[in-house]
Amino acid sequence: FAIRHLGCQSGVVITASHNPKEYNGYKAY
């Protein structure tokens, strides 16, 4: 939502969704 609301060209969220605790991730928008 923030990408659209703020008129950004891109965005990133640091998450590994529901994976086990050893994991992390990076989703690009």
Full PDB file with SEQRES, HELIX, SHEET, SSBOND, CRYST1, ORIGX, SCALE, CONECT and MASTER records, all heavy atoms in Angstrom:
SEQRES   1 A   29  PHE ALA ILE ARG HIS LEU GLY CYS GLN SER GLY VAL VAL          
SEQRES   2 A   29  ILE THR ALA SER HIS ASN PRO LYS GLU TYR ASN GLY TYR          
SEQRES   3 A   29  LYS ALA TYR                                                  
HELIX    1 AA1 ALA A    2  HIS A    5  1                                   4    
SHEET    1 AA1 2 VAL A  12  ILE A  14  0                                        
SHEET    2 AA1 2 TYR A  26  ALA A  28 -1                                        
CRYST1    1.000    1.000    1.000  90.00  90.00  90.00 P 1           1          
ORIGX1      1.000000  0.000000  0.000000        0.00000                         
ORIGX2      0.000000  1.000000  0.000000        0.00000                         
ORIGX3      0.000000  0.000000  1.000000        0.00000                         
SCALE1      1.000000  0.000000  0.000000        0.00000                         
SCALE2      0.000000  1.000000  0.000000        0.00000                         
SCALE3      0.000000  0.000000  1.000000        0.00000                         
ATOM      1  N   PHE A   1       0.833  -1.209   0.000  1.00  0.00           N  
ATOM      2  CA  PHE A   1       0.000   0.000   0.000  1.00  0.00           C  
ATOM      3  C   PHE A   1       0.869   1.261   0.000  1.00  0.00           C  
ATOM      4  O   PHE A   1       0.610   2.209  -0.742  1.00  0.00           O  
ATOM      5  CB  PHE A   1      -0.913   0.008   1.229  1.00  0.00           C  
ATOM      6  CG  PHE A   1      -1.627   1.313   1.446  1.00  0.00           C  
ATOM      7  CD1 PHE A   1      -2.740   1.645   0.679  1.00  0.00           C  
ATOM      8  CD2 PHE A   1      -1.165   2.235   2.382  1.00  0.00           C  
ATOM      9  CE1 PHE A   1      -3.386   2.869   0.862  1.00  0.00           C  
ATOM     10  CE2 PHE A   1      -1.802   3.448   2.572  1.00  0.00           C  
ATOM     11  CZ  PHE A   1      -2.922   3.777   1.801  1.00  0.00           C  
ATOM     12  N   ALA A   2       1.917   1.280   0.839  1.00  0.00           N  
ATOM     13  CA  ALA A   2       2.769   2.470   0.981  1.00  0.00           C  
ATOM     14  C   ALA A   2       3.437   2.843  -0.345  1.00  0.00           C  
ATOM     15  O   ALA A   2       3.577   4.035  -0.654  1.00  0.00           O  
ATOM     16  CB  ALA A   2       3.823   2.222   2.058  1.00  0.00           C  
ATOM     17  N   ILE A   3       3.843   1.850  -1.121  1.00  0.00           N  
ATOM     18  CA  ILE A   3       4.478   2.127  -2.424  1.00  0.00           C  
ATOM     19  C   ILE A   3       3.531   2.944  -3.293  1.00  0.00           C  
ATOM     20  O   ILE A   3       3.927   3.949  -3.905  1.00  0.00           O  
ATOM     21  CB  ILE A   3       4.869   0.807  -3.136  1.00  0.00           C  
ATOM     22  CG1 ILE A   3       6.007   0.111  -2.379  1.00  0.00           C  
ATOM     23  CG2 ILE A   3       5.265   1.052  -4.595  1.00  0.00           C  
ATOM     24  CD1 ILE A   3       6.237  -1.330  -2.787  1.00  0.00           C  
ATOM     25  N   ARG A   4       2.272   2.528  -3.342  1.00  0.00           N  
ATOM     26  CA  ARG A   4       1.277   3.229  -4.159  1.00  0.00           C  
ATOM     27  C   ARG A   4       0.932   4.590  -3.534  1.00  0.00           C  
ATOM     28  O   ARG A   4       0.852   5.601  -4.219  1.00  0.00           O  
ATOM     29  CB  ARG A   4       0.010   2.374  -4.285  1.00  0.00           C  
ATOM     30  CG  ARG A   4       0.245   1.037  -4.967  1.00  0.00           C  
ATOM     31  CD  ARG A   4      -0.991   0.149  -4.943  1.00  0.00           C  
ATOM     32  NE  ARG A   4      -2.114   0.752  -5.646  1.00  0.00           N  
ATOM     33  CZ  ARG A   4      -2.245   0.795  -6.963  1.00  0.00           C  
ATOM     34  NH1 ARG A   4      -1.315   0.258  -7.726  1.00  0.00           N  
ATOM     35  NH2 ARG A   4      -3.298   1.359  -7.520  1.00  0.00           N  
ATOM     36  N   HIS A   5       0.741   4.596  -2.234  1.00  0.00           N  
ATOM     37  CA  HIS A   5       0.324   5.801  -1.512  1.00  0.00           C  
ATOM     38  C   HIS A   5       1.372   6.910  -1.601  1.00  0.00           C  
ATOM     39  O   HIS A   5       1.032   8.091  -1.727  1.00  0.00           O  
ATOM     40  CB  HIS A   5       0.058   5.415  -0.051  1.00  0.00           C  
ATOM     41  CG  HIS A   5      -0.371   6.544   0.824  1.00  0.00           C  
ATOM     42  ND1 HIS A   5      -1.583   7.186   0.659  1.00  0.00           N  
ATOM     43  CD2 HIS A   5       0.248   7.155   1.882  1.00  0.00           C  
ATOM     44  CE1 HIS A   5      -1.700   8.145   1.581  1.00  0.00           C  
ATOM     45  NE2 HIS A   5      -0.602   8.137   2.327  1.00  0.00           N  
ATOM     46  N   LEU A   6       2.641   6.517  -1.531  1.00  0.00           N  
ATOM     47  CA  LEU A   6       3.732   7.504  -1.530  1.00  0.00           C  
ATOM     48  C   LEU A   6       4.323   7.730  -2.923  1.00  0.00           C  
ATOM     49  O   LEU A   6       5.266   8.512  -3.074  1.00  0.00           O  
ATOM     50  CB  LEU A   6       4.837   7.053  -0.565  1.00  0.00           C  
ATOM     51  CG  LEU A   6       4.420   6.931   0.909  1.00  0.00           C  
ATOM     52  CD1 LEU A   6       5.486   6.193   1.716  1.00  0.00           C  
ATOM     53  CD2 LEU A   6       4.146   8.309   1.510  1.00  0.00           C  
ATOM     54  N   GLY A   7       3.778   7.053  -3.920  1.00  0.00           N  
ATOM     55  CA  GLY A   7       4.243   7.242  -5.304  1.00  0.00           C  
ATOM     56  C   GLY A   7       5.650   6.732  -5.543  1.00  0.00           C  
ATOM     57  O   GLY A   7       6.417   7.325  -6.307  1.00  0.00           O  
ATOM     58  N   CYS A   8       6.016   5.624  -4.898  1.00  0.00           N  
ATOM     59  CA  CYS A   8       7.367   5.066  -5.035  1.00  0.00           C  
ATOM     60  C   CYS A   8       7.504   4.262  -6.336  1.00  0.00           C  
ATOM     61  O   CYS A   8       6.518   3.779  -6.889  1.00  0.00           O  
ATOM     62  CB  CYS A   8       7.693   4.149  -3.855  1.00  0.00           C  
ATOM     63  SG  CYS A   8       7.688   4.983  -2.265  1.00  0.00           S  
ATOM     64  N   GLN A   9       8.743   4.122  -6.765  1.00  0.00           N  
ATOM     65  CA  GLN A   9       9.025   3.281  -7.945  1.00  0.00           C  
ATOM     66  C   GLN A   9       9.233   1.818  -7.564  1.00  0.00           C  
ATOM     67  O   GLN A   9       9.113   0.929  -8.401  1.00  0.00           O  
ATOM     68  CB  GLN A   9      10.290   3.794  -8.671  1.00  0.00           C  
ATOM     69  CG  GLN A   9      10.056   5.017  -9.537  1.00  0.00           C  
ATOM     70  CD  GLN A   9       9.763   6.264  -8.710  1.00  0.00           C  
ATOM     71  OE1 GLN A   9      10.370   6.493  -7.672  1.00  0.00           O  
ATOM     72  NE2 GLN A   9       8.817   7.064  -9.174  1.00  0.00           N  
ATOM     73  N   SER A  10       9.568   1.585  -6.283  1.00  0.00           N  
ATOM     74  CA  SER A  10       9.870   0.226  -5.855  1.00  0.00           C  
ATOM     75  C   SER A  10       9.717   0.139  -4.337  1.00  0.00           C  
ATOM     76  O   SER A  10       9.417   1.136  -3.672  1.00  0.00           O  
ATOM     77  CB  SER A  10      11.306  -0.141  -6.273  1.00  0.00           C  
ATOM     78  OG  SER A  10      11.623  -1.477  -5.933  1.00  0.00           O  
ATOM     79  N   GLY A  11       9.933  -1.054  -3.825  1.00  0.00           N  
ATOM     80  CA  GLY A  11       9.862  -1.251  -2.382  1.00  0.00           C  
ATOM     81  C   GLY A  11      10.416  -2.610  -2.021  1.00  0.00           C  
ATOM     82  O   GLY A  11      10.567  -3.484  -2.885  1.00  0.00           O  
ATOM     83  N   VAL A  12      10.725  -2.776  -0.752  1.00  0.00           N  
ATOM     84  CA  VAL A  12      11.283  -4.039  -0.266  1.00  0.00           C  
ATOM     85  C   VAL A  12      10.680  -4.337   1.096  1.00  0.00           C  
ATOM     86  O   VAL A  12      10.512  -3.431   1.922  1.00  0.00           O  
ATOM     87  CB  VAL A  12      12.824  -3.948  -0.130  1.00  0.00           C  
ATOM     88  CG1 VAL A  12      13.375  -5.130   0.674  1.00  0.00           C  
ATOM     89  CG2 VAL A  12      13.488  -3.891  -1.497  1.00  0.00           C  
ATOM     90  N   VAL A  13      10.345  -5.593   1.330  1.00  0.00           N  
ATOM     91  CA  VAL A  13       9.982  -6.027   2.687  1.00  0.00           C  
ATOM     92  C   VAL A  13      10.902  -7.173   3.080  1.00  0.00           C  
ATOM     93  O   VAL A  13      11.176  -8.074   2.277  1.00  0.00           O  
ATOM     94  CB  VAL A  13       8.488  -6.415   2.811  1.00  0.00           C  
ATOM     95  CG1 VAL A  13       8.129  -7.615   1.957  1.00  0.00           C  
ATOM     96  CG2 VAL A  13       8.118  -6.684   4.261  1.00  0.00           C  
ATOM     97  N   ILE A  14      11.441  -7.058   4.287  1.00  0.00           N  
ATOM     98  CA  ILE A  14      12.303  -8.112   4.811  1.00  0.00           C  
ATOM     99  C   ILE A  14      11.415  -9.100   5.566  1.00  0.00           C  
ATOM    100  O   ILE A  14      10.851  -8.783   6.610  1.00  0.00           O  
ATOM    101  CB  ILE A  14      13.382  -7.540   5.764  1.00  0.00           C  
ATOM    102  CG1 ILE A  14      14.203  -6.434   5.064  1.00  0.00           C  
ATOM    103  CG2 ILE A  14      14.295  -8.660   6.286  1.00  0.00           C  
ATOM    104  CD1 ILE A  14      15.009  -6.880   3.866  1.00  0.00           C  
ATOM    105  N   THR A  15      11.282 -10.298   5.001  1.00  0.00           N  
ATOM    106  CA  THR A  15      10.432 -11.336   5.598  1.00  0.00           C  
ATOM    107  C   THR A  15      10.735 -12.675   4.948  1.00  0.00           C  
ATOM    108  O   THR A  15      11.189 -12.730   3.805  1.00  0.00           O  
ATOM    109  CB  THR A  15       8.937 -11.017   5.401  1.00  0.00           C  
ATOM    110  OG1 THR A  15       8.161 -12.067   5.990  1.00  0.00           O  
ATOM    111  CG2 THR A  15       8.560 -10.918   3.927  1.00  0.00           C  
ATOM    112  N   ALA A  16      10.467 -13.743   5.691  1.00  0.00           N  
ATOM    113  CA  ALA A  16      10.459 -15.081   5.094  1.00  0.00           C  
ATOM    114  C   ALA A  16       9.092 -15.703   5.329  1.00  0.00           C  
ATOM    115  O   ALA A  16       8.957 -16.924   5.479  1.00  0.00           O  
ATOM    116  CB  ALA A  16      11.572 -15.950   5.670  1.00  0.00           C  
ATOM    117  N   SER A  17       8.081 -14.837   5.399  1.00  0.00           N  
ATOM    118  CA  SER A  17       6.697 -15.270   5.542  1.00  0.00           C  
ATOM    119  C   SER A  17       6.542 -16.249   6.710  1.00  0.00           C  
ATOM    120  O   SER A  17       6.838 -15.905   7.831  1.00  0.00           O  
ATOM    121  CB  SER A  17       6.188 -15.849   4.216  1.00  0.00           C  
ATOM    122  OG  SER A  17       4.800 -16.042   4.259  1.00  0.00           O  
ATOM    123  N   HIS A  18       6.122 -17.488   6.429  1.00  0.00           N  
ATOM    124  CA  HIS A  18       5.830 -18.453   7.498  1.00  0.00           C  
ATOM    125  C   HIS A  18       6.900 -19.539   7.595  1.00  0.00           C  
ATOM    126  O   HIS A  18       6.684 -20.572   8.221  1.00  0.00           O  
ATOM    127  CB  HIS A  18       4.470 -19.095   7.239  1.00  0.00           C  
ATOM    128  CG  HIS A  18       4.405 -19.790   5.904  1.00  0.00           C  
ATOM    129  ND1 HIS A  18       4.245 -19.094   4.730  1.00  0.00           N  
ATOM    130  CD2 HIS A  18       4.522 -21.097   5.567  1.00  0.00           C  
ATOM    131  CE1 HIS A  18       4.256 -19.960   3.725  1.00  0.00           C  
ATOM    132  NE2 HIS A  18       4.426 -21.172   4.200  1.00  0.00           N  
ATOM    133  N   ASN A  19       8.078 -19.308   6.997  1.00  0.00           N  
ATOM    134  CA  ASN A  19       9.160 -20.299   7.076  1.00  0.00           C  
ATOM    135  C   ASN A  19       9.654 -20.483   8.522  1.00  0.00           C  
ATOM    136  O   ASN A  19       9.411 -19.626   9.372  1.00  0.00           O  
ATOM    137  CB  ASN A  19      10.345 -19.862   6.207  1.00  0.00           C  
ATOM    138  CG  ASN A  19      10.149 -20.220   4.753  1.00  0.00           C  
ATOM    139  OD1 ASN A  19       9.955 -19.347   3.923  1.00  0.00           O  
ATOM    140  ND2 ASN A  19      10.178 -21.483   4.424  1.00  0.00           N  
ATOM    141  N   PRO A  20      10.399 -21.559   8.781  1.00  0.00           N  
ATOM    142  CA  PRO A  20      10.975 -21.737  10.124  1.00  0.00           C  
ATOM    143  C   PRO A  20      11.872 -20.564  10.524  1.00  0.00           C  
ATOM    144  O   PRO A  20      12.305 -19.780   9.677  1.00  0.00           O  
ATOM    145  CB  PRO A  20      11.793 -23.029   9.986  1.00  0.00           C  
ATOM    146  CG  PRO A  20      11.173 -23.760   8.847  1.00  0.00           C  
ATOM    147  CD  PRO A  20      10.684 -22.716   7.904  1.00  0.00           C  
ATOM    148  N   LYS A  21      12.192 -20.484  11.820  1.00  0.00           N  
ATOM    149  CA  LYS A  21      12.889 -19.309  12.374  1.00  0.00           C  
ATOM    150  C   LYS A  21      14.294 -19.105  11.803  1.00  0.00           C  
ATOM    151  O   LYS A  21      14.829 -17.994  11.865  1.00  0.00           O  
ATOM    152  CB  LYS A  21      12.966 -19.427  13.899  1.00  0.00           C  
ATOM    153  CG  LYS A  21      13.812 -20.596  14.387  1.00  0.00           C  
ATOM    154  CD  LYS A  21      13.807 -20.704  15.906  1.00  0.00           C  
ATOM    155  CE  LYS A  21      14.628 -21.900  16.377  1.00  0.00           C  
ATOM    156  NZ  LYS A  21      14.568 -22.061  17.830  1.00  0.00           N  
ATOM    157  N   GLU A  22      14.900 -20.160  11.242  1.00  0.00           N  
ATOM    158  CA  GLU A  22      16.268 -20.041  10.691  1.00  0.00           C  
ATOM    159  C   GLU A  22      16.300 -19.192   9.421  1.00  0.00           C  
ATOM    160  O   GLU A  22      17.362 -18.762   8.978  1.00  0.00           O  
ATOM    161  CB  GLU A  22      16.841 -21.429  10.345  1.00  0.00           C  
ATOM    162  CG  GLU A  22      17.055 -22.341  11.526  1.00  0.00           C  
ATOM    163  CD  GLU A  22      15.798 -23.047  12.009  1.00  0.00           C  
ATOM    164  OE1 GLU A  22      14.771 -23.029  11.286  1.00  0.00           O  
ATOM    165  OE2 GLU A  22      15.820 -23.608  13.107  1.00  0.00           O  
ATOM    166  N   TYR A  23      15.127 -18.972   8.808  1.00  0.00           N  
ATOM    167  CA  TYR A  23      15.048 -18.310   7.507  1.00  0.00           C  
ATOM    168  C   TYR A  23      14.792 -16.812   7.636  1.00  0.00           C  
ATOM    169  O   TYR A  23      14.180 -16.336   8.578  1.00  0.00           O  
ATOM    170  CB  TYR A  23      13.898 -18.902   6.684  1.00  0.00           C  
ATOM    171  CG  TYR A  23      14.192 -20.252   6.083  1.00  0.00           C  
ATOM    172  CD1 TYR A  23      14.153 -21.408   6.855  1.00  0.00           C  
ATOM    173  CD2 TYR A  23      14.509 -20.383   4.728  1.00  0.00           C  
ATOM    174  CE1 TYR A  23      14.416 -22.655   6.317  1.00  0.00           C  
ATOM    175  CE2 TYR A  23      14.775 -21.626   4.169  1.00  0.00           C  
ATOM    176  CZ  TYR A  23      14.724 -22.758   4.967  1.00  0.00           C  
ATOM    177  OH  TYR A  23      14.989 -23.983   4.424  1.00  0.00           O  
ATOM    178  N   ASN A  24      15.255 -16.090   6.616  1.00  0.00           N  
ATOM    179  CA  ASN A  24      14.782 -14.734   6.381  1.00  0.00           C  
ATOM    180  C   ASN A  24      14.760 -14.505   4.874  1.00  0.00           C  
ATOM    181  O   ASN A  24      15.190 -15.353   4.099  1.00  0.00           O  
ATOM    182  CB  ASN A  24      15.629 -13.684   7.107  1.00  0.00           C  
ATOM    183  CG  ASN A  24      14.765 -12.525   7.584  1.00  0.00           C  
ATOM    184  OD1 ASN A  24      13.818 -12.124   6.917  1.00  0.00           O  
ATOM    185  ND2 ASN A  24      15.087 -11.987   8.751  1.00  0.00           N  
ATOM    186  N   GLY A  25      14.231 -13.372   4.468  1.00  0.00           N  
ATOM    187  CA  GLY A  25      14.077 -13.148   3.032  1.00  0.00           C  
ATOM    188  C   GLY A  25      13.897 -11.683   2.704  1.00  0.00           C  
ATOM    189  O   GLY A  25      13.914 -10.807   3.578  1.00  0.00           O  
ATOM    190  N   TYR A  26      13.680 -11.457   1.413  1.00  0.00           N  
ATOM    191  CA  TYR A  26      13.703 -10.107   0.867  1.00  0.00           C  
ATOM    192  C   TYR A  26      12.786 -10.113  -0.344  1.00  0.00           C  
ATOM    193  O   TYR A  26      13.066 -10.792  -1.322  1.00  0.00           O  
ATOM    194  CB  TYR A  26      15.157  -9.842   0.474  1.00  0.00           C  
ATOM    195  CG  TYR A  26      15.515  -8.576  -0.250  1.00  0.00           C  
ATOM    196  CD1 TYR A  26      16.221  -7.577   0.416  1.00  0.00           C  
ATOM    197  CD2 TYR A  26      15.266  -8.401  -1.610  1.00  0.00           C  
ATOM    198  CE1 TYR A  26      16.637  -6.432  -0.240  1.00  0.00           C  
ATOM    199  CE2 TYR A  26      15.669  -7.260  -2.271  1.00  0.00           C  
ATOM    200  CZ  TYR A  26      16.363  -6.284  -1.586  1.00  0.00           C  
ATOM    201  OH  TYR A  26      16.789  -5.147  -2.240  1.00  0.00           O  
ATOM    202  N   LYS A  27      11.654  -9.434  -0.229  1.00  0.00           N  
ATOM    203  CA  LYS A  27      10.721  -9.396  -1.355  1.00  0.00           C  
ATOM    204  C   LYS A  27      10.794  -8.019  -1.999  1.00  0.00           C  
ATOM    205  O   LYS A  27      10.676  -6.995  -1.306  1.00  0.00           O  
ATOM    206  CB  LYS A  27       9.293  -9.668  -0.887  1.00  0.00           C  
ATOM    207  CG  LYS A  27       9.063 -11.110  -0.478  1.00  0.00           C  
ATOM    208  CD  LYS A  27       7.604 -11.536  -0.576  1.00  0.00           C  
ATOM    209  CE  LYS A  27       6.737 -10.963   0.513  1.00  0.00           C  
ATOM    210  NZ  LYS A  27       5.416 -11.643   0.577  1.00  0.00           N  
ATOM    211  N   ALA A  28      10.994  -7.997  -3.308  1.00  0.00           N  
ATOM    212  CA  ALA A  28      11.102  -6.737  -4.044  1.00  0.00           C  
ATOM    213  C   ALA A  28       9.794  -6.447  -4.771  1.00  0.00           C  
ATOM    214  O   ALA A  28       9.168  -7.344  -5.340  1.00  0.00           O  
ATOM    215  CB  ALA A  28      12.253  -6.808  -5.039  1.00  0.00           C  
ATOM    216  N   TYR A  29       9.413  -5.169  -4.750  1.00  0.00           N  
ATOM    217  CA  TYR A  29       8.144  -4.716  -5.336  1.00  0.00           C  
ATOM    218  C   TYR A  29       8.401  -3.664  -6.399  1.00  0.00           C  
ATOM    219  O   TYR A  29       9.403  -2.953  -6.372  1.00  0.00           O  
ATOM    220  CB  TYR A  29       7.243  -4.123  -4.238  1.00  0.00           C  
ATOM    221  CG  TYR A  29       6.712  -5.159  -3.288  1.00  0.00           C  
ATOM    222  CD1 TYR A  29       7.524  -5.701  -2.293  1.00  0.00           C  
ATOM    223  CD2 TYR A  29       5.409  -5.629  -3.398  1.00  0.00           C  
ATOM    224  CE1 TYR A  29       7.046  -6.682  -1.431  1.00  0.00           C  
ATOM    225  CE2 TYR A  29       4.920  -6.605  -2.531  1.00  0.00           C  
ATOM    226  CZ  TYR A  29       5.748  -7.128  -1.554  1.00  0.00           C  
ATOM    227  OH  TYR A  29       5.270  -8.095  -0.719  1.00  0.00           O  
TER     228      TYR A  29                                                      
MASTER        0    0    0    1    2    0    0    6  227    1    0    3          
END                                                                             
